[in-house]
Protein backbone atom coordinates (compact mmCIF):
# COMPACT_ATOMS: atom_id res chain seq x y z
CA MET A 1 12.88 -10.57 2.37
CA THR A 2 10.97 -12.35 5.14
CA GLU A 3 7.51 -11.09 5.94
CA THR A 4 4.70 -12.38 8.15
CA MET A 5 1.42 -10.45 7.93
CA SER A 6 -0.51 -12.41 10.56
CA GLY A 7 2.02 -12.00 13.34
CA PRO A 8 4.95 -9.74 14.16
CA LEU A 9 6.63 -8.27 11.12
CA LYS A 10 10.23 -9.22 10.37
CA LEU A 11 11.85 -7.76 7.26
CA VAL A 12 15.41 -7.94 5.98
CA ALA A 13 16.37 -5.55 3.18
CA GLN A 14 19.24 -6.73 1.01
CA ASP A 15 18.34 -4.87 -2.19
CA LEU A 16 16.53 -1.68 -3.21
CA GLU A 17 13.17 -3.39 -3.71
CA ASP A 18 13.34 -4.86 -0.20
CA LEU A 19 14.30 -1.45 1.22
CA SER A 20 11.31 0.17 -0.50
CA VAL A 21 8.95 -2.28 1.23
CA LEU A 22 10.70 -1.79 4.57
CA SER A 23 10.49 1.99 4.19
CA SER A 24 6.73 1.80 3.59
CA MET A 25 6.32 -0.19 6.81
CA VAL A 26 8.13 2.41 8.97
CA GLN A 27 6.50 5.48 7.41
CA ASP A 28 5.04 7.65 10.18
CA ALA A 29 6.82 5.73 12.95
CA ILE A 30 7.29 7.80 16.10
CA VAL A 31 10.86 7.91 17.37
CA PRO A 32 12.27 9.47 20.55
CA PRO A 33 15.81 10.68 19.67
CA ALA A 34 17.10 9.09 22.88
CA ASP A 35 16.06 5.68 21.50
CA MET A 36 18.80 5.64 18.84
CA ALA A 37 22.19 4.00 19.29
CA TYR A 38 25.37 3.64 17.24
CA TRP A 39 27.90 0.94 18.13
CA PRO A 40 31.07 1.66 16.08
CA GLU A 41 32.81 -1.50 17.31
CA ASP A 42 29.88 -3.62 16.03
CA LYS A 43 29.37 -1.49 12.90
CA ALA A 44 25.67 -1.22 13.79
CA PHE A 45 23.04 1.49 14.27
CA ALA A 46 19.58 0.87 15.74
CA ILE A 47 16.38 2.77 16.49
CA ALA A 48 13.44 1.78 18.67
CA LEU A 49 10.22 2.75 16.88
CA ASN A 50 6.53 3.13 17.67
CA ARG A 51 5.41 1.80 14.27
CA PHE A 52 2.01 2.28 12.64
CA LYS A 53 0.95 -1.11 11.22
CA TRP A 54 0.30 -0.12 7.62
CA GLU A 55 -0.02 -3.77 6.61
CA THR A 56 -3.28 -4.05 8.63
CA ALA A 57 -4.61 -0.49 8.13
CA LYS A 58 -7.11 -1.54 5.46
CA ASN A 59 -8.97 -3.43 8.22
CA GLY A 60 -9.36 -0.43 10.59
CA PRO A 61 -10.38 1.48 12.51
CA PRO A 62 -9.33 0.64 15.03
CA TYR A 63 -5.84 0.67 13.56
CA ALA A 64 -2.75 -0.63 15.36
CA ARG A 65 0.72 0.42 16.43
CA THR A 66 3.55 -1.73 17.74
CA HIS A 67 7.05 -1.33 19.09
CA ALA A 68 9.72 -2.27 16.56
CA ALA A 69 13.47 -2.14 16.06
CA LEU A 70 15.16 -0.83 12.90
CA ARG A 71 18.79 -1.98 12.61
CA VAL A 72 21.44 -1.05 10.05
CA GLU A 73 24.56 -3.24 9.72
CA LYS A 74 27.97 -2.62 8.07
CA VAL A 75 27.99 0.97 9.41
CA LYS A 76 31.10 3.11 8.92
CA ALA A 77 29.80 6.45 10.25
CA VAL A 78 26.61 8.22 11.33
CA ARG A 79 25.81 11.87 10.56
CA ARG A 80 22.80 13.69 11.98
CA LYS A 81 20.96 16.80 10.80
CA GLY A 82 18.79 18.49 13.45
CA ILE A 83 18.99 15.50 15.82
CA SER A 84 21.25 15.42 18.88
CA PRO A 85 22.83 12.10 19.88
CA GLY A 86 21.07 10.93 23.02
CA GLY A 87 18.38 13.47 22.20
CA ASP A 88 15.65 15.13 24.14
CA ARG A 89 13.16 12.61 25.61
CA GLU A 90 10.36 15.20 25.30
CA ARG A 91 10.72 15.57 21.50
CA LEU A 92 9.29 12.92 19.24
CA LEU A 93 10.38 12.53 15.64
CA SER A 94 8.22 11.25 12.80
CA LEU A 95 10.10 8.95 10.42
CA LEU A 96 9.02 9.55 6.83
CA ALA A 97 11.28 7.29 4.74
CA VAL A 98 14.33 5.07 4.57
CA ALA A 99 16.38 5.35 1.38
CA TYR A 100 19.68 4.13 -0.06
CA ALA A 101 22.20 6.27 -1.93
CA ALA A 102 25.05 4.68 -3.85
CA GLY A 103 28.38 6.38 -3.34
CA GLY A 104 30.71 7.47 -6.05
CA ASP A 105 33.79 9.60 -6.62
CA GLY A 106 35.13 8.56 -3.22
CA ALA A 107 31.83 9.06 -1.39
CA PRO A 108 30.55 6.04 0.58
CA ASP A 109 27.21 4.32 0.08
CA SER A 110 24.65 5.49 2.63
CA ILE A 111 21.27 4.82 4.18
CA HIS A 112 19.17 7.96 4.69
CA LEU A 113 16.55 8.20 7.41
CA GLN A 114 14.33 11.19 6.61
CA PHE A 115 12.24 12.65 9.42
CA ALA A 116 9.60 15.39 9.45
CA GLU A 117 10.73 18.98 10.03
CA ASP A 118 13.76 18.50 7.73
CA ARG A 119 15.62 16.32 10.24
CA ALA A 120 17.69 13.42 8.95
CA ILE A 121 20.30 10.78 9.68
CA ARG A 122 22.82 9.67 7.05
CA ILE A 123 24.41 6.32 7.82
CA GLU A 124 27.53 5.58 5.79
CA VAL A 125 27.65 1.86 5.05
CA GLU A 126 29.78 -0.81 3.40
CA GLY A 127 26.67 -2.36 1.81
CA LEU A 128 22.91 -2.64 2.15
CA ALA A 129 21.90 -4.58 5.29
CA VAL A 130 18.81 -3.23 7.08
CA SER A 131 16.30 -5.12 9.21
CA LEU A 132 12.99 -4.32 10.87
CA THR A 133 11.55 -6.47 13.65
CA ASP A 134 8.31 -5.95 15.57
CA LEU A 135 8.69 -6.29 19.33
CA GLY A 136 5.77 -7.24 21.55
CA ASP A 137 2.05 -7.10 20.96
CA PRO A 138 0.35 -4.33 18.95
CA TRP A 139 -2.17 -2.00 20.58
CA PRO A 140 -5.22 -0.30 19.05
CA THR A 141 -5.36 3.31 17.91
CA GLN A 142 -8.15 5.31 16.27
CA TRP A 143 -5.65 7.57 14.48
CA LYS A 144 -4.33 6.81 11.03
CA PRO A 145 -1.46 9.05 9.89
CA GLY A 146 -2.39 11.27 6.97
CA HIS A 147 -0.51 13.61 4.69
CA GLU A 148 -1.66 16.68 2.86
CA MET A 149 -0.92 16.74 -0.86
CA GLY A 150 2.40 18.46 -1.52
CA GLU A 151 3.98 17.39 1.78
């Protein structure tokens, strides 16, 4: 895993521990459904995110957000629950977690992107290869995402 706290974040998850760290960095990212793409010929899936910078939140307020790209490699198929491909530009999704599920009994391994409101994307993969890269400069925000207990 590569990580730079002072500048733009760049993470590469190649095992479950790496993916756990990456997931914590994208928690509460805002995602327009139209900013997702699957390229079957390249075996890749990507999402443009408006990411809350959790790694600097202890310093705020003001807090910070930044644009980032989440990319999954070795993709065999993409399944969506409650999210239309191309999506509605007016609707924004809140990404809650990124998780890995090992296949078995003929089922493929998969990366699960869990969003608020019981929306999800299951990405069937040939192995774990996920990256997160910040794009551009962060901007200040007064709002820190919060969660009620039990959510």
